[in-house]
Amino acid sequence: MKPKLNEVAKYANVSEATVSRVLNQRPGVAEDTRRKVLDALTRLGYNFGAERVRKFRTVGIITPELDNPIFPYMAQAIESKLARHGFLSMLGPATPTTAHERDYLQHFVRMGASGIVVVNGAYARRSIGYAAYERLLAEGIAVVLVNGIYQPCPVPAITIDIAAAAQSAVRHLINLGHERIGCIAGDMQYTSPQDLARGYERALRAANLHVDPDLIVEALFTLEGAKSAATTLIDRGVTGLIAMSDLIALGAISAAQARGMEVPRDLSVIGFDGTPLLGMRGPTLTTLRQPVDRMAQSVAAMLLGQMNGDTQPTQVFEADLIAGGTAGIAPALVRQPERAGASHLA
């Protein structure tokens, strides 16, 4: 025989309404209170069943395909933070050719997940919007979006200020003497590449340099796509470039090397993400590093906050420019002393 609500409430020293919210997985219950209620239900003989017990503690994490190392890196960091609060995370890599994001959203809802984290999701295309995630919130499921957002965002979210990061990268190249700088922006139908291009243009204008739209090149988020875009920029005479990801930056370096160029002597390259990359030869990558650990901590705090009835506004993080060995002095400045010496000898 199942215990009555008033019996559980008395045992746990909470209200009957709180017991009801816990049983129906509604928000507005503090984590320690939720545990007290679950403990009371167990001690009074309430049989949840294995699946029902587990679903109180599950969070789904949806990412794009895992070829780009930032996504598994981010997912692992979020999973680690959530595990410390007793949550089991389940990863759903959404791809255009296999399981779509909407499939994972539906799956996590059906399995009774307490929360869902979406990294660079479909919402990053403005034509998609935030309606699907707002419906989840209305159903009492905690949701946090990570990166790729645009304002106004009605869903709890954290994001990197990509435009500001792009500005710092371009300023770094300008300070090294580069004037013809390219931008490999990714697929421009998404918010993040648009932000990268906007920051790139702002930095050039602030330095009174010409903004050439032909030096902003779209690319697929693959090594081959990066190589093609970088080759185009090399043919257009750039001496430095910024890339939408570290993966794209590595493709750009590969394209330069295929042309017999040396990085950074002939071409300077700055990536974005700051992920630990395996198999990179030559100089360490100069990159805009996302503070993944702090971002993951905020994701966990946002999810727990929602479960306790507290919704936080969007949090914006700054990327750190990490100076490696792939960005150096502009070629013209490196060769200038050589030309001066040759003229003197003549």
Protein backbone atom coordinates (compact mmCIF):
# COMPACT_ATOMS: atom_id res chain seq x y z
CA MET A 1 0.00 0.00 0.00
CA LYS A 2 1.41 3.41 -0.99
CA PRO A 3 1.85 6.00 1.77
CA LYS A 4 -0.45 9.02 1.70
CA LEU A 5 0.83 12.49 0.90
CA ASN A 6 0.20 13.72 4.43
CA GLU A 7 2.18 10.78 5.87
CA VAL A 8 5.16 11.54 3.64
CA ALA A 9 4.92 15.26 4.35
CA LYS A 10 4.89 14.64 8.11
CA TYR A 11 7.83 12.22 7.91
CA ALA A 12 9.94 14.63 5.81
CA ASN A 13 8.72 17.71 7.72
CA VAL A 14 7.55 19.44 4.52
CA SER A 15 4.20 20.44 3.03
CA GLU A 16 2.00 18.10 1.01
CA ALA A 17 2.42 20.46 -1.95
CA THR A 18 6.19 19.93 -1.79
CA VAL A 19 5.74 16.16 -1.82
CA SER A 20 3.45 16.49 -4.84
CA ARG A 21 6.01 18.65 -6.70
CA VAL A 22 8.75 16.09 -6.07
CA LEU A 23 6.56 13.20 -7.26
CA ASN A 24 5.63 15.11 -10.42
CA GLN A 25 9.14 16.48 -11.04
CA ARG A 26 8.03 20.09 -10.85
CA PRO A 27 10.44 22.98 -10.27
CA GLY A 28 10.55 24.99 -7.08
CA VAL A 29 12.00 22.36 -4.72
CA ALA A 30 15.46 22.78 -3.21
CA GLU A 31 17.84 19.87 -3.78
CA ASP A 32 18.20 18.97 -0.09
CA THR A 33 14.43 19.10 0.35
CA ARG A 34 13.92 16.89 -2.69
CA ARG A 35 16.30 14.33 -1.20
CA LYS A 36 14.45 14.39 2.13
CA VAL A 37 11.16 13.69 0.37
CA LEU A 38 12.63 10.87 -1.71
CA ASP A 39 14.18 9.35 1.40
CA ALA A 40 10.84 9.56 3.21
CA LEU A 41 9.03 7.93 0.29
CA THR A 42 11.55 5.10 0.23
CA ARG A 43 11.41 4.50 4.00
CA LEU A 44 7.60 4.48 3.93
CA GLY A 45 7.59 1.81 1.25
CA TYR A 46 6.85 3.78 -1.91
CA ASN A 47 8.02 1.69 -4.86
CA PHE A 48 9.42 3.98 -7.59
CA GLY A 49 10.82 1.27 -9.82
CA ALA A 50 14.36 1.52 -11.18
CA GLU A 51 13.51 3.71 -14.14
CA ARG A 52 11.47 6.19 -12.07
CA VAL A 53 14.27 6.59 -9.53
CA ARG A 54 16.83 7.26 -12.24
CA LYS A 55 14.84 9.88 -14.06
CA PHE A 56 14.90 12.18 -11.05
CA ARG A 57 18.66 12.48 -11.55
CA THR A 58 19.18 12.65 -15.33
CA VAL A 59 20.32 15.56 -17.49
CA GLY A 60 20.57 15.33 -21.28
CA ILE A 61 23.43 17.14 -23.02
CA ILE A 62 22.94 17.76 -26.75
CA THR A 63 25.90 18.84 -28.89
CA PRO A 64 26.63 19.06 -32.61
CA GLU A 65 28.73 16.27 -34.13
CA LEU A 66 31.80 15.39 -32.06
CA ASP A 67 34.38 15.88 -34.84
CA ASN A 68 35.08 19.36 -33.51
CA PRO A 69 37.01 18.82 -30.24
CA ILE A 70 35.36 21.76 -28.45
CA PHE A 71 32.06 19.88 -28.22
CA PRO A 72 33.21 16.71 -26.39
CA TYR A 73 35.48 18.93 -24.29
CA MET A 74 32.55 21.15 -23.27
CA ALA A 75 30.22 18.17 -22.71
CA GLN A 76 32.74 16.41 -20.48
CA ALA A 77 33.24 19.55 -18.38
CA ILE A 78 29.47 19.98 -17.92
CA GLU A 79 29.03 16.30 -17.08
CA SER A 80 31.77 16.54 -14.46
CA LYS A 81 30.16 19.53 -12.75
CA LEU A 82 26.70 17.93 -12.77
CA ALA A 83 28.05 14.64 -11.38
CA ARG A 84 29.19 16.47 -8.26
CA HIS A 85 25.54 17.32 -7.63
CA GLY A 86 24.43 13.72 -8.11
CA PHE A 87 23.18 13.97 -11.70
CA LEU A 88 23.71 11.38 -14.40
CA SER A 89 24.38 13.00 -17.79
CA MET A 90 23.48 11.45 -21.13
CA LEU A 91 25.14 12.77 -24.30
CA GLY A 92 23.30 13.22 -27.58
CA PRO A 93 25.49 14.23 -30.55
CA ALA A 94 23.06 15.65 -33.10
CA THR A 95 24.08 15.46 -36.75
CA PRO A 96 22.32 16.29 -40.04
CA THR A 97 22.58 12.69 -41.23
CA THR A 98 21.79 10.70 -38.07
CA ALA A 99 19.83 11.77 -34.98
CA HIS A 100 18.57 15.33 -35.12
CA GLU A 101 18.43 17.66 -32.14
CA ARG A 102 14.64 17.43 -32.02
CA ASP A 103 14.94 13.63 -31.71
CA TYR A 104 17.12 13.97 -28.64
CA LEU A 105 14.86 16.61 -27.13
CA GLN A 106 11.88 14.29 -27.50
CA HIS A 107 13.86 11.32 -26.15
CA PHE A 108 15.05 13.16 -23.05
CA VAL A 109 11.52 14.40 -22.35
CA ARG A 110 10.08 10.88 -22.71
CA MET A 111 12.68 9.43 -20.34
CA GLY A 112 11.82 12.08 -17.76
CA ALA A 113 15.06 14.07 -17.70
CA SER A 114 15.19 16.75 -15.03
CA GLY A 115 17.16 19.07 -17.27
CA ILE A 116 18.52 19.51 -20.78
CA VAL A 117 21.66 21.36 -21.92
CA VAL A 118 21.96 22.29 -25.61
CA VAL A 119 25.36 23.35 -26.96
CA ASN A 120 25.39 25.38 -30.20
CA GLY A 121 21.96 24.06 -31.05
CA ALA A 122 19.47 24.67 -33.84
CA TYR A 123 18.49 27.95 -32.18
CA ALA A 124 21.78 29.40 -33.52
CA ARG A 125 19.89 29.89 -36.79
CA ARG A 126 17.61 32.85 -36.16
CA SER A 127 14.94 31.35 -38.42
CA ILE A 128 14.62 28.44 -35.94
CA GLY A 129 14.17 30.54 -32.82
CA TYR A 130 13.70 29.53 -29.19
CA ALA A 131 10.12 28.20 -29.18
CA ALA A 132 11.08 24.52 -28.70
CA TYR A 133 13.10 25.34 -25.57
CA GLU A 134 10.43 27.63 -24.15
CA ARG A 135 7.99 24.72 -24.38
CA LEU A 136 10.37 22.59 -22.32
CA LEU A 137 10.53 25.29 -19.65
CA ALA A 138 6.73 25.44 -19.61
CA GLU A 139 6.69 21.68 -18.95
CA GLY A 140 8.89 22.15 -15.88
CA ILE A 141 12.12 20.91 -17.46
CA ALA A 142 15.23 22.94 -16.68
CA VAL A 143 17.02 24.13 -19.85
CA VAL A 144 20.34 25.88 -20.46
CA LEU A 145 21.62 26.91 -23.90
CA VAL A 146 25.38 27.19 -24.46
CA ASN A 147 26.85 29.50 -27.12
CA GLY A 148 25.41 30.50 -30.48
CA ILE A 149 22.65 32.57 -28.89
CA TYR A 150 21.32 35.92 -30.05
CA GLN A 151 19.41 38.50 -28.06
CA PRO A 152 16.81 38.72 -26.76
CA CYS A 153 17.10 35.17 -25.43
CA PRO A 154 14.10 34.07 -23.33
CA VAL A 155 15.82 30.86 -22.19
CA PRO A 156 18.58 30.60 -19.54
CA ALA A 157 21.87 30.65 -21.46
CA ILE A 158 25.61 31.21 -21.28
CA THR A 159 27.70 32.42 -24.18
CA ILE A 160 31.11 33.62 -25.24
CA ASP A 161 31.33 37.19 -26.54
CA ILE A 162 32.59 36.14 -29.96
CA ALA A 163 32.59 39.63 -31.46
CA ALA A 164 34.81 40.93 -28.66
CA ALA A 165 37.11 37.92 -29.03
CA ALA A 166 37.44 38.52 -32.76
CA GLN A 167 38.36 42.14 -32.09
CA SER A 168 41.15 41.11 -29.72
CA ALA A 169 42.51 38.62 -32.28
CA VAL A 170 42.55 41.20 -35.09
CA ARG A 171 44.16 43.79 -32.80
CA HIS A 172 46.86 41.24 -31.97
CA LEU A 173 47.62 40.74 -35.65
CA ILE A 174 47.58 44.49 -36.31
CA ASN A 175 50.07 45.01 -33.47
CA LEU A 176 52.31 42.47 -35.20
CA GLY A 177 52.25 44.61 -38.32
CA HIS A 178 49.60 42.80 -40.37
CA GLU A 179 47.31 44.92 -42.51
CA ARG A 180 45.79 42.38 -44.90
CA ILE A 181 43.98 40.06 -42.53
CA GLY A 182 41.47 37.38 -43.46
CA CYS A 183 38.59 35.79 -41.57
CA ILE A 184 37.39 32.19 -41.94
CA ALA A 185 33.96 32.59 -40.42
CA GLY A 186 32.26 29.24 -40.80
CA ASP A 187 28.68 28.95 -42.06
CA MET A 188 27.21 32.47 -42.03
CA GLN A 189 23.64 31.28 -41.53
CA TYR A 190 24.58 30.74 -37.86
CA THR A 191 24.96 33.37 -35.16
CA SER A 192 28.56 32.62 -34.09
CA PRO A 193 30.15 33.15 -37.55
CA GLN A 194 28.12 36.34 -37.92
CA ASP A 195 29.47 37.57 -34.57
CA LEU A 196 33.03 36.66 -35.56
CA ALA A 197 32.75 38.62 -38.81
CA ARG A 198 31.20 41.59 -37.02
CA GLY A 199 34.04 41.76 -34.49
CA TYR A 200 36.62 41.34 -37.24
CA GLU A 201 35.17 44.28 -39.18
CA ARG A 202 34.95 46.49 -36.09
CA ALA A 203 38.62 45.94 -35.26
CA LEU A 204 39.73 46.81 -38.79
CA ARG A 205 37.64 49.99 -38.84
CA ALA A 206 38.94 51.01 -35.41
CA ALA A 207 42.47 50.74 -36.83
CA ASN A 208 41.48 52.71 -39.95
CA LEU A 209 42.15 49.67 -42.15
CA HIS A 210 40.11 48.83 -45.23
CA VAL A 211 37.37 46.23 -44.75
CA ASP A 212 37.43 43.98 -47.80
CA PRO A 213 34.36 41.70 -47.86
CA ASP A 214 36.31 39.28 -50.07
CA LEU A 215 38.55 38.53 -47.08
CA ILE A 216 35.63 37.09 -45.08
CA VAL A 217 35.23 33.52 -46.29
CA GLU A 218 32.66 30.95 -45.25
CA ALA A 219 33.74 27.38 -44.53
CA LEU A 220 32.29 24.08 -43.42
CA PHE A 221 33.40 23.11 -39.92
CA THR A 222 35.78 20.46 -41.27
CA LEU A 223 39.49 20.29 -42.05
CA GLU A 224 38.77 20.08 -45.77
CA GLY A 225 36.41 23.05 -45.63
CA ALA A 226 39.05 25.02 -43.72
CA LYS A 227 41.77 24.14 -46.23
CA SER A 228 39.64 25.36 -49.11
CA ALA A 229 38.77 28.64 -47.37
CA ALA A 230 42.38 29.26 -46.32
CA THR A 231 43.63 28.59 -49.85
CA THR A 232 41.22 31.23 -51.13
CA LEU A 233 42.51 33.77 -48.60
CA ILE A 234 46.14 32.94 -49.35
CA ASP A 235 45.45 33.55 -53.04
CA ARG A 236 43.98 36.93 -52.06
CA GLY A 237 47.20 37.94 -50.36
CA VAL A 238 46.47 37.79 -46.64
CA THR A 239 49.40 37.64 -44.23
CA GLY A 240 47.28 36.71 -41.22
CA LEU A 241 43.88 35.25 -40.51
CA ILE A 242 41.47 34.42 -37.70
CA ALA A 243 39.39 31.24 -37.71
CA MET A 244 36.03 30.31 -36.17
CA SER A 245 37.53 27.27 -34.42
CA ASP A 246 40.82 25.59 -33.63
CA LEU A 247 39.87 22.84 -36.06
CA ILE A 248 39.51 25.41 -38.87
CA ALA A 249 42.80 27.01 -37.83
CA LEU A 250 44.58 23.66 -38.17
CA GLY A 251 43.08 23.28 -41.64
CA ALA A 252 44.38 26.74 -42.54
CA ILE A 253 47.88 25.82 -41.34
CA SER A 254 47.74 22.65 -43.42
CA ALA A 255 46.72 24.67 -46.49
CA ALA A 256 49.64 27.06 -46.00
CA GLN A 257 52.10 24.20 -45.61
CA ALA A 258 50.76 22.60 -48.80
CA ARG A 259 51.74 25.84 -50.57
CA GLY A 260 55.27 25.61 -49.18
CA MET A 261 54.61 28.41 -46.69
CA GLU A 262 55.80 28.46 -43.10
CA VAL A 263 53.65 29.46 -40.14
CA PRO A 264 54.08 32.10 -38.81
CA ARG A 265 56.86 33.35 -41.08
CA ASP A 266 54.64 33.58 -44.15
CA LEU A 267 51.17 33.35 -42.63
CA SER A 268 49.91 33.99 -39.09
CA VAL A 269 46.91 32.01 -37.87
CA ILE A 270 44.69 32.49 -34.79
CA GLY A 271 42.14 29.84 -33.82
CA PHE A 272 39.15 29.88 -31.49
CA ASP A 273 38.21 27.57 -28.58
CA GLY A 274 41.48 26.68 -26.86
CA THR A 275 40.80 22.95 -26.83
CA PRO A 276 43.56 20.42 -26.14
CA LEU A 277 44.41 19.22 -29.66
CA LEU A 278 46.19 15.97 -30.39
CA GLY A 279 48.48 15.39 -33.30
CA MET A 280 49.45 19.02 -33.89
CA ARG A 281 52.97 19.38 -35.18
CA GLY A 282 55.07 22.52 -35.23
CA PRO A 283 54.33 25.68 -33.21
CA THR A 284 51.61 25.75 -30.60
CA LEU A 285 48.40 27.34 -31.77
CA THR A 286 47.64 30.96 -30.97
CA THR A 287 43.98 30.85 -30.01
CA LEU A 288 41.03 32.49 -28.30
CA ARG A 289 40.39 30.17 -25.37
CA GLN A 290 36.91 29.67 -23.96
CA PRO A 291 36.88 29.40 -20.13
CA VAL A 292 35.23 25.99 -20.40
CA ASP A 293 35.54 25.06 -16.73
CA ARG A 294 33.88 28.27 -15.52
CA MET A 295 31.23 28.00 -18.21
CA ALA A 296 30.43 24.43 -17.18
CA GLN A 297 30.16 25.52 -13.55
CA SER A 298 27.63 28.16 -14.57
CA VAL A 299 25.64 25.62 -16.57
CA ALA A 300 25.33 23.39 -13.50
CA ALA A 301 24.39 26.35 -11.29
CA MET A 302 21.75 27.50 -13.78
CA LEU A 303 20.17 24.05 -13.97
CA LEU A 304 20.10 23.66 -10.20
CA GLY A 305 18.76 27.19 -9.84
CA GLN A 306 15.84 26.42 -12.12
CA MET A 307 15.09 23.22 -10.23
CA ASN A 308 14.91 25.35 -7.10
CA GLY A 309 12.64 27.92 -8.75
CA ASP A 310 15.33 30.49 -9.60
CA THR A 311 15.83 31.52 -13.24
CA GLN A 312 18.99 33.48 -14.07
CA PRO A 313 19.58 35.82 -17.03
CA THR A 314 22.07 35.12 -19.82
CA GLN A 315 25.69 35.07 -18.67
CA VAL A 316 28.37 36.34 -21.06
CA PHE A 317 31.98 35.16 -20.82
CA GLU A 318 35.13 36.61 -22.35
CA ALA A 319 37.61 34.50 -24.32
CA ASP A 320 41.31 34.77 -23.46
CA LEU A 321 43.86 35.34 -26.21
CA ILE A 322 46.53 32.69 -25.72
CA ALA A 323 49.69 33.64 -27.59
CA GLY A 324 51.23 30.55 -29.16
CA GLY A 325 53.64 30.16 -32.02
CA THR A 326 51.32 30.48 -35.01
CA ALA A 327 51.02 34.29 -34.98
CA GLY A 328 54.14 36.34 -35.68
CA ILE A 329 55.42 39.56 -37.17
CA ALA A 330 54.06 40.40 -40.62
CA PRO A 331 56.28 39.10 -43.45
CA ALA A 332 56.99 42.60 -44.83
CA LEU A 333 58.43 43.68 -41.47
CA VAL A 334 60.53 40.54 -41.14
CA ARG A 335 62.06 41.01 -44.60
CA GLN A 336 62.55 44.78 -44.38
CA PRO A 337 65.91 44.62 -42.56
CA GLU A 338 67.17 42.12 -45.16
CA ARG A 339 66.33 44.52 -47.99
CA ALA A 340 67.95 47.43 -46.19
CA GLY A 341 71.14 45.44 -45.70
CA ALA A 342 71.25 44.41 -49.37
CA SER A 343 70.86 48.04 -50.49
CA HIS A 344 73.72 49.14 -48.24
CA LEU A 345 76.06 46.51 -49.64
CA ALA A 346 75.21 47.49 -53.20
